[in-house]
Amino acid sequence: MYFPLEINEQIADMIRTATDLYSQVNNYIQSKGYKNDVFPGNVLGEMSDKVCEMITNLGDVVGRDIINQAFDEEEKRSTNLNPESHVSE
């Protein structure tokens, strides 16, 4: 079954922004040669991990939205294939 998907552009922009921040933080850590077990590398490393978690959480939100769209489309399809099942008694 094919159906169009709508992606929330505001959330997509947040993912893009967080991904850019993640990249910048990691590039900065590498360019300075910071180690993850001493300051400031440990603080920046923790921040990088938190940004990665934000990206993952936003991905979960997008995924849930896509799943809901799929279920809605399947419900519409089922209703159209079996209209008698939704007639009141």
PDB file of N, CA and C in Angstrom:
ATOM      1  N   MET A   1       0.854  -1.168   0.000  1.00  0.00           N
ATOM      2  CA  MET A   1       0.000   0.000   0.000  1.00  0.00           C
ATOM      3  C   MET A   1       0.904   1.237   0.000  1.00  0.00           C
ATOM      4  N   TYR A   2       0.602   2.164  -0.873  1.00  0.00           N
ATOM      5  CA  TYR A   2       1.355   3.418  -0.947  1.00  0.00           C
ATOM      6  C   TYR A   2       0.468   4.557  -0.471  1.00  0.00           C
ATOM      7  N   PHE A   3       1.027   5.441   0.308  1.00  0.00           N
ATOM      8  CA  PHE A   3       0.323   6.648   0.725  1.00  0.00           C
ATOM      9  C   PHE A   3       1.359   7.723   0.988  1.00  0.00           C
ATOM     10  N   PRO A   4       0.970   8.979   0.799  1.00  0.00           N
ATOM     11  CA  PRO A   4       1.926  10.068   1.042  1.00  0.00           C
ATOM     12  C   PRO A   4       2.161  10.253   2.547  1.00  0.00           C
ATOM     13  N   LEU A   5       3.384  10.616   2.884  1.00  0.00           N
ATOM     14  CA  LEU A   5       3.726  10.893   4.276  1.00  0.00           C
ATOM     15  C   LEU A   5       3.956  12.375   4.454  1.00  0.00           C
ATOM     16  N   GLU A   6       3.525  12.877   5.577  1.00  0.00           N
ATOM     17  CA  GLU A   6       3.797  14.267   5.921  1.00  0.00           C
ATOM     18  C   GLU A   6       4.829  14.272   7.037  1.00  0.00           C
ATOM     19  N   ILE A   7       5.898  15.018   6.827  1.00  0.00           N
ATOM     20  CA  ILE A   7       6.933  15.153   7.840  1.00  0.00           C
ATOM     21  C   ILE A   7       6.832  16.559   8.417  1.00  0.00           C
ATOM     22  N   ASN A   8       6.800  16.647   9.718  1.00  0.00           N
ATOM     23  CA  ASN A   8       6.721  17.938  10.390  1.00  0.00           C
ATOM     24  C   ASN A   8       8.035  18.680  10.163  1.00  0.00           C
ATOM     25  N   GLU A   9       7.971  19.747   9.383  1.00  0.00           N
ATOM     26  CA  GLU A   9       9.184  20.489   9.024  1.00  0.00           C
ATOM     27  C   GLU A   9       9.834  21.161  10.226  1.00  0.00           C
ATOM     28  N   GLN A  10       9.044  21.534  11.205  1.00  0.00           N
ATOM     29  CA  GLN A  10       9.615  22.157  12.400  1.00  0.00           C
ATOM     30  C   GLN A  10      10.503  21.153  13.146  1.00  0.00           C
ATOM     31  N   ILE A  11      10.027  19.926  13.264  1.00  0.00           N
ATOM     32  CA  ILE A  11      10.834  18.892  13.915  1.00  0.00           C
ATOM     33  C   ILE A  11      12.039  18.542  13.046  1.00  0.00           C
ATOM     34  N   ALA A  12      11.845  18.477  11.740  1.00  0.00           N
ATOM     35  CA  ALA A  12      12.969  18.199  10.835  1.00  0.00           C
ATOM     36  C   ALA A  12      14.047  19.271  10.971  1.00  0.00           C
ATOM     37  N   ASP A  13      13.639  20.520  11.106  1.00  0.00           N
ATOM     38  CA  ASP A  13      14.611  21.603  11.308  1.00  0.00           C
ATOM     39  C   ASP A  13      15.358  21.442  12.630  1.00  0.00           C
ATOM     40  N   MET A  14      14.644  21.001  13.670  1.00  0.00           N
ATOM     41  CA  MET A  14      15.314  20.774  14.954  1.00  0.00           C
ATOM     42  C   MET A  14      16.357  19.663  14.824  1.00  0.00           C
ATOM     43  N   ILE A  15      16.031  18.609  14.075  1.00  0.00           N
ATOM     44  CA  ILE A  15      16.986  17.520  13.859  1.00  0.00           C
ATOM     45  C   ILE A  15      18.205  18.035  13.101  1.00  0.00           C
ATOM     46  N   ARG A  16      17.975  18.834  12.069  1.00  0.00           N
ATOM     47  CA  ARG A  16      19.097  19.408  11.310  1.00  0.00           C
ATOM     48  C   ARG A  16      19.983  20.266  12.211  1.00  0.00           C
ATOM     49  N   THR A  17      19.366  21.102  13.023  1.00  0.00           N
ATOM     50  CA  THR A  17      20.120  21.986  13.916  1.00  0.00           C
ATOM     51  C   THR A  17      20.919  21.178  14.937  1.00  0.00           C
ATOM     52  N   ALA A  18      20.272  20.186  15.543  1.00  0.00           N
ATOM     53  CA  ALA A  18      20.959  19.360  16.542  1.00  0.00           C
ATOM     54  C   ALA A  18      22.099  18.571  15.901  1.00  0.00           C
ATOM     55  N   THR A  19      21.893  18.083  14.693  1.00  0.00           N
ATOM     56  CA  THR A  19      22.939  17.345  13.991  1.00  0.00           C
ATOM     57  C   THR A  19      24.128  18.241  13.692  1.00  0.00           C
ATOM     58  N   ASP A  20      23.845  19.471  13.304  1.00  0.00           N
ATOM     59  CA  ASP A  20      24.921  20.432  13.048  1.00  0.00           C
ATOM     60  C   ASP A  20      25.696  20.720  14.336  1.00  0.00           C
ATOM     61  N   LEU A  21      24.983  20.917  15.445  1.00  0.00           N
ATOM     62  CA  LEU A  21      25.643  21.159  16.728  1.00  0.00           C
ATOM     63  C   LEU A  21      26.498  19.959  17.128  1.00  0.00           C
ATOM     64  N   TYR A  22      25.957  18.763  16.965  1.00  0.00           N
ATOM     65  CA  TYR A  22      26.691  17.539  17.288  1.00  0.00           C
ATOM     66  C   TYR A  22      28.003  17.482  16.501  1.00  0.00           C
ATOM     67  N   SER A  23      27.911  17.762  15.225  1.00  0.00           N
ATOM     68  CA  SER A  23      29.095  17.752  14.365  1.00  0.00           C
ATOM     69  C   SER A  23      30.112  18.807  14.800  1.00  0.00           C
ATOM     70  N   GLN A  24      29.631  20.007  15.092  1.00  0.00           N
ATOM     71  CA  GLN A  24      30.531  21.084  15.513  1.00  0.00           C
ATOM     72  C   GLN A  24      31.232  20.759  16.831  1.00  0.00           C
ATOM     73  N   VAL A  25      30.499  20.217  17.782  1.00  0.00           N
ATOM     74  CA  VAL A  25      31.096  19.870  19.079  1.00  0.00           C
ATOM     75  C   VAL A  25      32.183  18.810  18.886  1.00  0.00           C
ATOM     76  N   ASN A  26      31.873  17.771  18.132  1.00  0.00           N
ATOM     77  CA  ASN A  26      32.845  16.699  17.934  1.00  0.00           C
ATOM     78  C   ASN A  26      34.059  17.167  17.135  1.00  0.00           C
ATOM     79  N   ASN A  27      33.837  18.012  16.136  1.00  0.00           N
ATOM     80  CA  ASN A  27      34.964  18.566  15.385  1.00  0.00           C
ATOM     81  C   ASN A  27      35.846  19.423  16.285  1.00  0.00           C
ATOM     82  N   TYR A  28      35.229  20.185  17.171  1.00  0.00           N
ATOM     83  CA  TYR A  28      35.982  21.030  18.097  1.00  0.00           C
ATOM     84  C   TYR A  28      36.822  20.172  19.044  1.00  0.00           C
ATOM     85  N   ILE A  29      36.212  19.123  19.582  1.00  0.00           N
ATOM     86  CA  ILE A  29      36.935  18.215  20.486  1.00  0.00           C
ATOM     87  C   ILE A  29      38.150  17.623  19.772  1.00  0.00           C
ATOM     88  N   GLN A  30      37.932  17.158  18.552  1.00  0.00           N
ATOM     89  CA  GLN A  30      39.028  16.551  17.791  1.00  0.00           C
ATOM     90  C   GLN A  30      40.100  17.569  17.430  1.00  0.00           C
ATOM     91  N   SER A  31      39.674  18.767  17.025  1.00  0.00           N
ATOM     92  CA  SER A  31      40.659  19.774  16.605  1.00  0.00           C
ATOM     93  C   SER A  31      41.553  20.217  17.760  1.00  0.00           C
ATOM     94  N   LYS A  32      41.018  20.203  18.972  1.00  0.00           N
ATOM     95  CA  LYS A  32      41.788  20.595  20.152  1.00  0.00           C
ATOM     96  C   LYS A  32      42.536  19.417  20.770  1.00  0.00           C
ATOM     97  N   GLY A  33      42.201  18.213  20.340  1.00  0.00           N
ATOM     98  CA  GLY A  33      42.855  17.031  20.887  1.00  0.00           C
ATOM     99  C   GLY A  33      42.472  16.727  22.320  1.00  0.00           C
ATOM    100  N   TYR A  34      41.271  17.172  22.724  1.00  0.00           N
ATOM    101  CA  TYR A  34      40.825  16.934  24.096  1.00  0.00           C
ATOM    102  C   TYR A  34      40.595  15.448  24.337  1.00  0.00           C
ATOM    103  N   LYS A  35      40.909  15.016  25.530  1.00  0.00           N
ATOM    104  CA  LYS A  35      40.641  13.642  25.947  1.00  0.00           C
ATOM    105  C   LYS A  35      39.320  13.628  26.718  1.00  0.00           C
ATOM    106  N   ASN A  36      38.590  12.518  26.578  1.00  0.00           N
ATOM    107  CA  ASN A  36      37.260  12.414  27.186  1.00  0.00           C
ATOM    108  C   ASN A  36      37.275  12.287  28.699  1.00  0.00           C
ATOM    109  N   ASP A  37      38.438  12.027  29.291  1.00  0.00           N
ATOM    110  CA  ASP A  37      38.458  11.792  30.733  1.00  0.00           C
ATOM    111  C   ASP A  37      38.968  12.981  31.547  1.00  0.00           C
ATOM    112  N   VAL A  38      39.298  14.092  30.879  1.00  0.00           N
ATOM    113  CA  VAL A  38      39.756  15.284  31.609  1.00  0.00           C
ATOM    114  C   VAL A  38      39.029  16.519  31.084  1.00  0.00           C
ATOM    115  N   PHE A  39      38.910  17.510  31.964  1.00  0.00           N
ATOM    116  CA  PHE A  39      38.260  18.769  31.600  1.00  0.00           C
ATOM    117  C   PHE A  39      39.100  19.474  30.545  1.00  0.00           C
ATOM    118  N   PRO A  40      38.521  20.094  29.549  1.00  0.00           N
ATOM    119  CA  PRO A  40      37.108  20.274  29.230  1.00  0.00           C
ATOM    120  C   PRO A  40      36.555  19.193  28.310  1.00  0.00           C
ATOM    121  N   GLY A  41      37.424  18.233  27.917  1.00  0.00           N
ATOM    122  CA  GLY A  41      36.966  17.178  27.014  1.00  0.00           C
ATOM    123  C   GLY A  41      35.831  16.358  27.573  1.00  0.00           C
ATOM    124  N   ASN A  42      35.866  16.111  28.887  1.00  0.00           N
ATOM    125  CA  ASN A  42      34.797  15.315  29.492  1.00  0.00           C
ATOM    126  C   ASN A  42      33.461  16.055  29.456  1.00  0.00           C
ATOM    127  N   VAL A  43      33.481  17.349  29.681  1.00  0.00           N
ATOM    128  CA  VAL A  43      32.245  18.148  29.658  1.00  0.00           C
ATOM    129  C   VAL A  43      31.710  18.229  28.225  1.00  0.00           C
ATOM    130  N   LEU A  44      32.599  18.484  27.287  1.00  0.00           N
ATOM    131  CA  LEU A  44      32.175  18.566  25.887  1.00  0.00           C
ATOM    132  C   LEU A  44      31.699  17.207  25.380  1.00  0.00           C
ATOM    133  N   GLY A  45      32.340  16.137  25.832  1.00  0.00           N
ATOM    134  CA  GLY A  45      31.902  14.793  25.457  1.00  0.00           C
ATOM    135  C   GLY A  45      30.512  14.482  25.978  1.00  0.00           C
ATOM    136  N   GLU A  46      30.250  14.881  27.218  1.00  0.00           N
ATOM    137  CA  GLU A  46      28.910  14.692  27.792  1.00  0.00           C
ATOM    138  C   GLU A  46      27.875  15.497  27.013  1.00  0.00           C
ATOM    139  N   MET A  47      28.251  16.710  26.631  1.00  0.00           N
ATOM    140  CA  MET A  47      27.337  17.541  25.858  1.00  0.00           C
ATOM    141  C   MET A  47      27.044  16.885  24.507  1.00  0.00           C
ATOM    142  N   SER A  48      28.069  16.344  23.878  1.00  0.00           N
ATOM    143  CA  SER A  48      27.890  15.651  22.608  1.00  0.00           C
ATOM    144  C   SER A  48      26.923  14.481  22.767  1.00  0.00           C
ATOM    145  N   ASP A  49      27.072  13.720  23.855  1.00  0.00           N
ATOM    146  CA  ASP A  49      26.170  12.595  24.119  1.00  0.00           C
ATOM    147  C   ASP A  49      24.730  13.069  24.298  1.00  0.00           C
ATOM    148  N   LYS A  50      24.544  14.189  24.989  1.00  0.00           N
ATOM    149  CA  LYS A  50      23.191  14.718  25.211  1.00  0.00           C
ATOM    150  C   LYS A  50      22.561  15.198  23.906  1.00  0.00           C
ATOM    151  N   VAL A  51      23.373  15.808  23.041  1.00  0.00           N
ATOM    152  CA  VAL A  51      22.856  16.248  21.742  1.00  0.00           C
ATOM    153  C   VAL A  51      22.466  15.025  20.913  1.00  0.00           C
ATOM    154  N   CYS A  52      23.278  13.981  20.970  1.00  0.00           N
ATOM    155  CA  CYS A  52      22.956  12.743  20.257  1.00  0.00           C
ATOM    156  C   CYS A  52      21.641  12.158  20.773  1.00  0.00           C
ATOM    157  N   GLU A  53      21.435  12.213  22.074  1.00  0.00           N
ATOM    158  CA  GLU A  53      20.181  11.736  22.664  1.00  0.00           C
ATOM    159  C   GLU A  53      18.999  12.580  22.178  1.00  0.00           C
ATOM    160  N   MET A  54      19.202  13.885  22.054  1.00  0.00           N
ATOM    161  CA  MET A  54      18.142  14.755  21.528  1.00  0.00           C
ATOM    162  C   MET A  54      17.784  14.349  20.101  1.00  0.00           C
ATOM    163  N   ILE A  55      18.793  14.088  19.277  1.00  0.00           N
ATOM    164  CA  ILE A  55      18.554  13.679  17.892  1.00  0.00           C
ATOM    165  C   ILE A  55      17.752  12.381  17.867  1.00  0.00           C
ATOM    166  N   THR A  56      18.136  11.438  18.711  1.00  0.00           N
ATOM    167  CA  THR A  56      17.431  10.159  18.790  1.00  0.00           C
ATOM    168  C   THR A  56      15.982  10.353  19.229  1.00  0.00           C
ATOM    169  N   ASN A  57      15.761  11.183  20.233  1.00  0.00           N
ATOM    170  CA  ASN A  57      14.395  11.442  20.710  1.00  0.00           C
ATOM    171  C   ASN A  57      13.544  12.101  19.634  1.00  0.00           C
ATOM    172  N   LEU A  58      14.120  13.055  18.915  1.00  0.00           N
ATOM    173  CA  LEU A  58      13.379  13.696  17.824  1.00  0.00           C
ATOM    174  C   LEU A  58      13.067  12.683  16.724  1.00  0.00           C
ATOM    175  N   GLY A  59      14.003  11.782  16.461  1.00  0.00           N
ATOM    176  CA  GLY A  59      13.750  10.716  15.488  1.00  0.00           C
ATOM    177  C   GLY A  59      12.605   9.819  15.927  1.00  0.00           C
ATOM    178  N   ASP A  60      12.525   9.547  17.229  1.00  0.00           N
ATOM    179  CA  ASP A  60      11.410   8.758  17.764  1.00  0.00           C
ATOM    180  C   ASP A  60      10.076   9.466  17.541  1.00  0.00           C
ATOM    181  N   VAL A  61      10.063  10.784  17.724  1.00  0.00           N
ATOM    182  CA  VAL A  61       8.837  11.567  17.508  1.00  0.00           C
ATOM    183  C   VAL A  61       8.410  11.469  16.044  1.00  0.00           C
ATOM    184  N   VAL A  62       9.359  11.632  15.132  1.00  0.00           N
ATOM    185  CA  VAL A  62       9.050  11.545  13.699  1.00  0.00           C
ATOM    186  C   VAL A  62       8.564  10.137  13.359  1.00  0.00           C
ATOM    187  N   GLY A  63       9.243   9.132  13.889  1.00  0.00           N
ATOM    188  CA  GLY A  63       8.844   7.750  13.627  1.00  0.00           C
ATOM    189  C   GLY A  63       7.445   7.448  14.123  1.00  0.00           C
ATOM    190  N   ARG A  64       7.121   7.930  15.314  1.00  0.00           N
ATOM    191  CA  ARG A  64       5.779   7.707  15.864  1.00  0.00           C
ATOM    192  C   ARG A  64       4.725   8.383  14.996  1.00  0.00           C
ATOM    193  N   ASP A  65       5.038   9.582  14.517  1.00  0.00           N
ATOM    194  CA  ASP A  65       4.115  10.303  13.646  1.00  0.00           C
ATOM    195  C   ASP A  65       3.878   9.523  12.352  1.00  0.00           C
ATOM    196  N   ILE A  66       4.938   8.966  11.780  1.00  0.00           N
ATOM    197  CA  ILE A  66       4.802   8.177  10.551  1.00  0.00           C
ATOM    198  C   ILE A  66       3.959   6.932  10.809  1.00  0.00           C
ATOM    199  N   ILE A  67       4.191   6.266  11.928  1.00  0.00           N
ATOM    200  CA  ILE A  67       3.399   5.084  12.273  1.00  0.00           C
ATOM    201  C   ILE A  67       1.927   5.451  12.415  1.00  0.00           C
ATOM    202  N   ASN A  68       1.632   6.564  13.077  1.00  0.00           N
ATOM    203  CA  ASN A  68       0.242   7.003  13.224  1.00  0.00           C
ATOM    204  C   ASN A  68      -0.386   7.300  11.874  1.00  0.00           C
ATOM    205  N   GLN A  69       0.378   7.912  10.967  1.00  0.00           N
ATOM    206  CA  GLN A  69      -0.137   8.170   9.623  1.00  0.00           C
ATOM    207  C   GLN A  69      -0.454   6.856   8.910  1.00  0.00           C
ATOM    208  N   ALA A  70       0.419   5.865   9.057  1.00  0.00           N
ATOM    209  CA  ALA A  70       0.197   4.566   8.422  1.00  0.00           C
ATOM    210  C   ALA A  70      -1.061   3.902   8.978  1.00  0.00           C
ATOM    211  N   PHE A  71      -1.228   3.934  10.293  1.00  0.00           N
ATOM    212  CA  PHE A  71      -2.429   3.350  10.890  1.00  0.00           C
ATOM    213  C   PHE A  71      -3.690   4.084  10.436  1.00  0.00           C
ATOM    214  N   ASP A  72      -3.628   5.402  10.354  1.00  0.00           N
ATOM    215  CA  ASP A  72      -4.776   6.182   9.881  1.00  0.00           C
ATOM    216  C   ASP A  72      -5.132   5.803   8.446  1.00  0.00           C
ATOM    217  N   GLU A  73      -4.125   5.653   7.600  1.00  0.00           N
ATOM    218  CA  GLU A  73      -4.372   5.274   6.203  1.00  0.00           C
ATOM    219  C   GLU A  73      -4.957   3.872   6.115  1.00  0.00           C
ATOM    220  N   GLU A  74      -4.453   2.959   6.927  1.00  0.00           N
ATOM    221  CA  GLU A  74      -4.978   1.595   6.929  1.00  0.00           C
ATOM    222  C   GLU A  74      -6.432   1.586   7.405  1.00  0.00           C
ATOM    223  N   GLU A  75      -6.745   2.403   8.399  1.00  0.00           N
ATOM    224  CA  GLU A  75      -8.123   2.482   8.879  1.00  0.00           C
ATOM    225  C   GLU A  75      -9.045   3.026   7.789  1.00  0.00           C
ATOM    226  N   LYS A  76      -8.588   4.052   7.071  1.00  0.00           N
ATOM    227  CA  LYS A  76      -9.386   4.592   5.957  1.00  0.00           C
ATOM    228  C   LYS A  76      -9.599   3.525   4.895  1.00  0.00           C
ATOM    229  N   ARG A  77      -8.542   2.783   4.582  1.00  0.00           N
ATOM    230  CA  ARG A  77      -8.622   1.742   3.566  1.00  0.00           C
ATOM    231  C   ARG A  77      -9.598   0.651   3.999  1.00  0.00           C
ATOM    232  N   SER A  78      -9.512   0.238   5.242  1.00  0.00           N
ATOM    233  CA  SER A  78     -10.414  -0.798   5.754  1.00  0.00           C
ATOM    234  C   SER A  78     -11.859  -0.325   5.735  1.00  0.00           C
ATOM    235  N   THR A  79     -12.085   0.926   6.088  1.00  0.00           N
ATOM    236  CA  THR A  79     -13.435   1.489   6.088  1.00  0.00           C
ATOM    237  C   THR A  79     -13.996   1.525   4.674  1.00  0.00           C
ATOM    238  N   ASN A  80     -13.175   1.890   3.707  1.00  0.00           N
ATOM    239  CA  ASN A  80     -13.624   1.954   2.315  1.00  0.00           C
ATOM    240  C   ASN A  80     -13.881   0.571   1.737  1.00  0.00           C
ATOM    241  N   LEU A  81     -13.146  -0.446   2.187  1.00  0.00           N
ATOM    242  CA  LEU A  81     -13.338  -1.806   1.686  1.00  0.00           C
ATOM    243  C   LEU A  81     -14.544  -2.484   2.315  1.00  0.00           C
ATOM    244  N   ASN A  82     -14.921  -2.077   3.521  1.00  0.00           N
ATOM    245  CA  ASN A  82     -16.009  -2.717   4.243  1.00  0.00           C
ATOM    246  C   ASN A  82     -16.912  -1.657   4.863  1.00  0.00           C
ATOM    247  N   PRO A  83     -17.654  -0.902   4.030  1.00  0.00           N
ATOM    248  CA  PRO A  83     -18.461   0.196   4.572  1.00  0.00           C
ATOM    249  C   PRO A  83     -19.584  -0.263   5.499  1.00  0.00           C
ATOM    250  N   GLU A  84     -20.090  -1.516   5.342  1.00  0.00           N
ATOM    251  CA  GLU A  84     -21.184  -1.969   6.205  1.00  0.00           C
ATOM    252  C   GLU A  84     -20.762  -2.084   7.661  1.00  0.00           C
ATOM    253  N   SER A  85     -19.495  -2.285   7.915  1.00  0.00           N
ATOM    254  CA  SER A  85     -19.056  -2.480   9.294  1.00  0.00           C
ATOM    255  C   SER A  85     -19.171  -1.206  10.121  1.00  0.00           C
ATOM    256  N   HIS A  86     -19.382  -0.071   9.473  1.00  0.00           N
ATOM    257  CA  HIS A  86     -19.473   1.192  10.195  1.00  0.00           C
ATOM    258  C   HIS A  86     -20.878   1.790  10.159  1.00  0.00           C
ATOM    259  N   VAL A  87     -21.858   0.977   9.749  1.00  0.00           N
ATOM    260  CA  VAL A  87     -23.243   1.438   9.727  1.00  0.00           C
ATOM    261  C   VAL A  87     -23.839   1.215  11.109  1.00  0.00           C
ATOM    262  N   SER A  88     -24.518   2.225  11.633  1.00  0.00           N
ATOM    263  CA  SER A  88     -25.115   2.066  12.961  1.00  0.00           C
ATOM    264  C   SER A  88     -26.329   1.157  12.879  1.00  0.00           C
ATOM    265  N   GLU A  89     -26.554   0.460  13.967  1.00  0.00           N
ATOM    266  CA  GLU A  89     -27.665  -0.512  14.017  1.00  0.00           C
ATOM    267  C   GLU A  89     -28.960   0.151  14.358  1.00  0.00           C
TER     268      GLU A  89
END
